[in-house]
Amino acid sequence: AVIDVNFKAPEEAANPAKADAIRASRSIFFTGGDQTRIIDAFRPATGDTIGSEALWSVLDADAVIGDTSAGAAMMSDPCIR
């Protein structure tokens, strides 16, 4: 199944149904663009969203997160703006 993780606001990444869909995935792919937009949605200044936590759980389950430079910057810790 393909799910859209092109979130533009923290409210989208904080949606429990969307976080569950991320957790159920065996692979995630972030396209290019402005990593600040991705970071602001998944990892805003107020703290990581459940969507961000779901992404890390995908990695913990030995699934794959692929990306272009913007996605790689977002998944690094510390994340790179």
Protein backbone atom coordinates (compact mmCIF):
# COMPACT_ATOMS: atom_id res chain seq x y z
CA ALA A 1 0.00 0.00 0.00
CA VAL A 2 1.15 3.52 -0.68
CA ILE A 3 0.51 6.22 1.90
CA ASP A 4 1.19 9.91 1.51
CA VAL A 5 3.65 11.22 4.11
CA ASN A 6 3.96 14.61 2.41
CA PHE A 7 2.78 16.33 5.58
CA LYS A 8 2.82 20.10 5.65
CA ALA A 9 1.90 20.68 9.31
CA PRO A 10 2.53 19.01 12.68
CA GLU A 11 -1.19 18.27 12.99
CA GLU A 12 -0.90 15.85 10.07
CA ALA A 13 2.10 14.05 11.60
CA ALA A 14 0.28 13.98 14.95
CA ASN A 15 -2.73 12.15 13.48
CA PRO A 16 -2.91 8.70 15.15
CA ALA A 17 -4.33 7.02 12.04
CA LYS A 18 -1.49 8.34 9.88
CA ALA A 19 1.09 7.30 12.50
CA ASP A 20 -0.43 3.79 12.55
CA ALA A 21 -0.16 3.63 8.75
CA ILE A 22 3.51 4.62 8.98
CA ARG A 23 4.17 1.97 11.66
CA ALA A 24 2.55 -0.69 9.47
CA SER A 25 4.85 0.14 6.56
CA ARG A 26 7.88 -1.94 5.65
CA SER A 27 9.39 0.90 3.63
CA ILE A 28 9.08 4.68 3.49
CA PHE A 29 10.45 6.98 0.80
CA PHE A 30 10.83 10.74 1.17
CA THR A 31 11.17 12.73 -2.02
CA GLY A 32 13.37 15.79 -2.33
CA GLY A 33 12.52 19.33 -1.52
CA ASP A 34 12.90 21.56 1.48
CA GLN A 35 13.81 19.48 4.52
CA THR A 36 12.74 22.35 6.77
CA ARG A 37 9.14 21.71 5.69
CA ILE A 38 9.48 18.00 6.55
CA ILE A 39 11.18 18.77 9.88
CA ASP A 40 8.56 21.39 10.79
CA ALA A 41 5.81 18.82 10.20
CA PHE A 42 7.36 15.77 11.88
CA ARG A 43 9.75 17.33 14.40
CA PRO A 44 8.47 20.83 15.26
CA ALA A 45 10.02 22.95 18.00
CA THR A 46 7.36 21.67 20.41
CA GLY A 47 8.78 18.13 20.16
CA ASP A 48 8.64 15.05 17.97
CA THR A 49 5.18 14.06 16.77
CA ILE A 50 3.80 10.53 16.94
CA GLY A 51 4.43 10.44 13.18
CA SER A 52 8.13 11.00 13.82
CA GLU A 53 8.14 8.32 16.50
CA ALA A 54 6.40 6.01 14.01
CA LEU A 55 9.19 6.61 11.48
CA TRP A 56 11.81 5.60 14.04
CA SER A 57 9.78 2.49 14.91
CA VAL A 58 9.90 1.50 11.22
CA LEU A 59 13.69 1.60 11.42
CA ASP A 60 13.69 -0.28 14.72
CA ALA A 61 11.66 -3.04 13.02
CA ASP A 62 14.44 -3.44 10.41
CA ALA A 63 12.32 -1.86 7.70
CA VAL A 64 13.76 0.67 5.25
CA ILE A 65 13.50 4.41 4.96
CA GLY A 66 14.80 5.71 1.64
CA ASP A 67 15.09 9.27 0.63
CA THR A 68 16.77 11.99 -1.28
CA SER A 69 18.83 14.59 0.51
CA ALA A 70 15.86 16.29 2.21
CA GLY A 71 14.61 13.04 3.73
CA ALA A 72 18.09 12.04 4.86
CA ALA A 73 18.55 15.42 6.55
CA MET A 74 15.23 15.03 8.35
CA MET A 75 16.04 11.54 9.69
CA SER A 76 19.50 12.40 11.02
CA ASP A 77 19.95 13.16 14.70
CA PRO A 78 20.49 15.99 15.06
CA CYS A 79 18.41 16.80 12.02
CA ILE A 80 19.91 19.18 9.52
CA ARG A 81 18.03 22.24 8.35
